[in-house]
């Protein structure tokens, strides 16, 4: 019976099945901190006795690097030895090089068990020096994600698919718990930094099981609001058992003497920045965000603010996006393009783009850009006019910049006026296990000549004298080109016909808009209370004035209608001026004036909503796209010409919330299938969106025209709108928003 028990196979720390001669193998790699050229393996294991053990270390090609024989072990005991390797090839997530350690155990008497144990080994050194996190002597920056909801019985193929998805979004690190050890084998093999959260359910057993993985560069004891006795003991145990890896205690005060790596949970970008700016010596330690940004609904605002800390704050070591980001990647949610863009490892710097001269910066720490090719497109007023590829081979060393010439001539000579942009895309030239050949790995858009708005356009129609008629209930302005009416009781525009076609939906109008559907972050910031009064404010008409005015530029006669309102509950004065010219173009100017000059009421948007017929569902615009974008989440969406069907467009956020906005719009056309409709333009860029109205009984396409719309916020759960970056909020100080509606279509000849 004893012999049978002796032959039982055990699962050891590597997650594989072994016989009982060798048990509890621990491999601790290190690298010479002076030259970072030579490596060392400290190896210990439990020898069950009566055995001779030999060892062999092989490189990735199977060549023997070191080998030897250990002292015979008669009684059960822990054996320890070390292997020194000169000119060692180091493991990183960018260069996941692994050696193979073989231990061969043979019975002393020449009978019984013979066993071979194989363990993958990665040489790397994790250290905290000078208030920075280092790997192999280089500052380490984690572009990470929390993955605590992975299925426990996931197949190898499913795990690889997840890692492939993370790589496509330029993620280089994961924070996990309660995951099959196979996951860490794959992180070792394919190159991902791992932080293992050891909670109440797994403690030291999991620590010992996962100890040998080079991908695991730190341990975490999870979020703890109080100094829980169990967590505290676990923390001290990990610090004692593993002196080569940092141990983070999420939200441990940076003033605690045990804190070596400050890991706050869900700070704003501003809070993270403020910590790095502290001059107090006790704060001089690296900062790694245990969780940041929000994965709920329309979110991930200010990712660029977090990522900009990488270049501005040496102590900032990155962090892990909050739980739920993976699900958004799997669903292909719009914000994931911003994640991918902000995490990319190549920066395109403007040198002289008008003649094709660029500087390319390799933001990687260990890998060159030898497997990257470049394609480019020049856009004139959003339309592609030149394109090509940079076919010359080039290699950019880690953290270095090189200059390239795309090969085109001076763009200013060919295109003396108009906006010019240059789109640059980097592609993988050689397939790797997780990245396909030709896959986009980075991109950028450079401004060659900035947008300069033209004078507000006029409709392409012959002038016709406008007639102003004041009826009992309505004011009507009409000529051969257009008919425009205003309700005298409300002041609202109720009719806008051009060339015999209605530009307004039946029962529709053009009204101010200070509200949008709340995002999850808006709700978390008590948005219902803060913004609810702006959803349907009461507009009290104070005056309505209509008069003919001379256009000084054309010497033709326009009709100007001015409506004055009071929003008593919001303590706001509103003036809307409509100026109609003889060619049917309507200029709209909306001015807000708070009653208290020092007050700046917070709203979700400042603009107007035009309700157009359902047939006019075709949206074409020059602005950022094609995916939705917001003031704090727009860098990944490039300026260009885009089109879509507003009747078919919707992002399925659950619960329903804001969607579909587009920033930095130069012009927007909303038409039917034949091209008949309106063009929106302004003296500056604006935001716009179009979707089917959710307000009944009006069946319409809502065209939202905004001077500005609030960002989607950077907080998680406890967000506060007042803490958002100033340029992503909408504060109503005294200001005016002016735009022009110009009829377009086959009748006018203007497309």
Foldseek 3Di string as FASTA:
>chain_A
DVVVVQQDWDQALQRDIWHDQKHLKFWDKEAPPPPLFKIKIKIKIKGQAQKWKKKFKFWPVRHTQDIDTDDHGHHTDMDIDMDMGGRDDADALVRLTWMKMKMWIAGNVRDDDTTIDIDIAGHWFWDWDQQFTDISRHGAAFLAAEDAPDDQPDDPVVLLVLVLLCVLLLGAEYEYENHNSVSLVVCSVNGHAYEYADEPVHQVNNCSSNNRRPSDQEYEPDEDPDCDPVSVVSQVVCVVVDVRHYYAYEPDDLLPPNHQEHEYEADFLVVVVVLLVDPDPSSSHAYEHAEWFALAFATPFQPLSNLVCVVVGNSYRYYHYYPNVSVCSVVVPLLSLLSSASSFQKDWADDQPLQQKIKIFGQDAADKCQQKWKKKFKDFLFHTDDIDTDPDGDIAGHRGMDMDGPGHGRNCVVPVDGWMKMKMWMFGCDDDSSHGGGRTRYIAMGTNDDGAADPADAFLDDFFAWDWDDDPFWIWIDTCAWIWIAGQQQRWTQFIDGPRHTFAFHVWTKFKAQAWFAGPLCVLQVVCVQAVCRHDFDWHWDDWDKDWDADPVPRFIKIKIKTWTARPVQQKIKIWIWIAGRRRKIKIKIWIAHNDQPAWRFTFFTFMKGWGALQQQKKKFFAFDDAAAAPRRGRSTDTHIDIDGQAPDDDPRPPDTDGFKTWQTAKMFGGGPQRWHKMKHFSGGWMWGWHFDPDPPGTGIIITTTNHGAHNATGYSNDHPVPPDPRRTHIDRTDMGMMMIYTDGVVSPHD
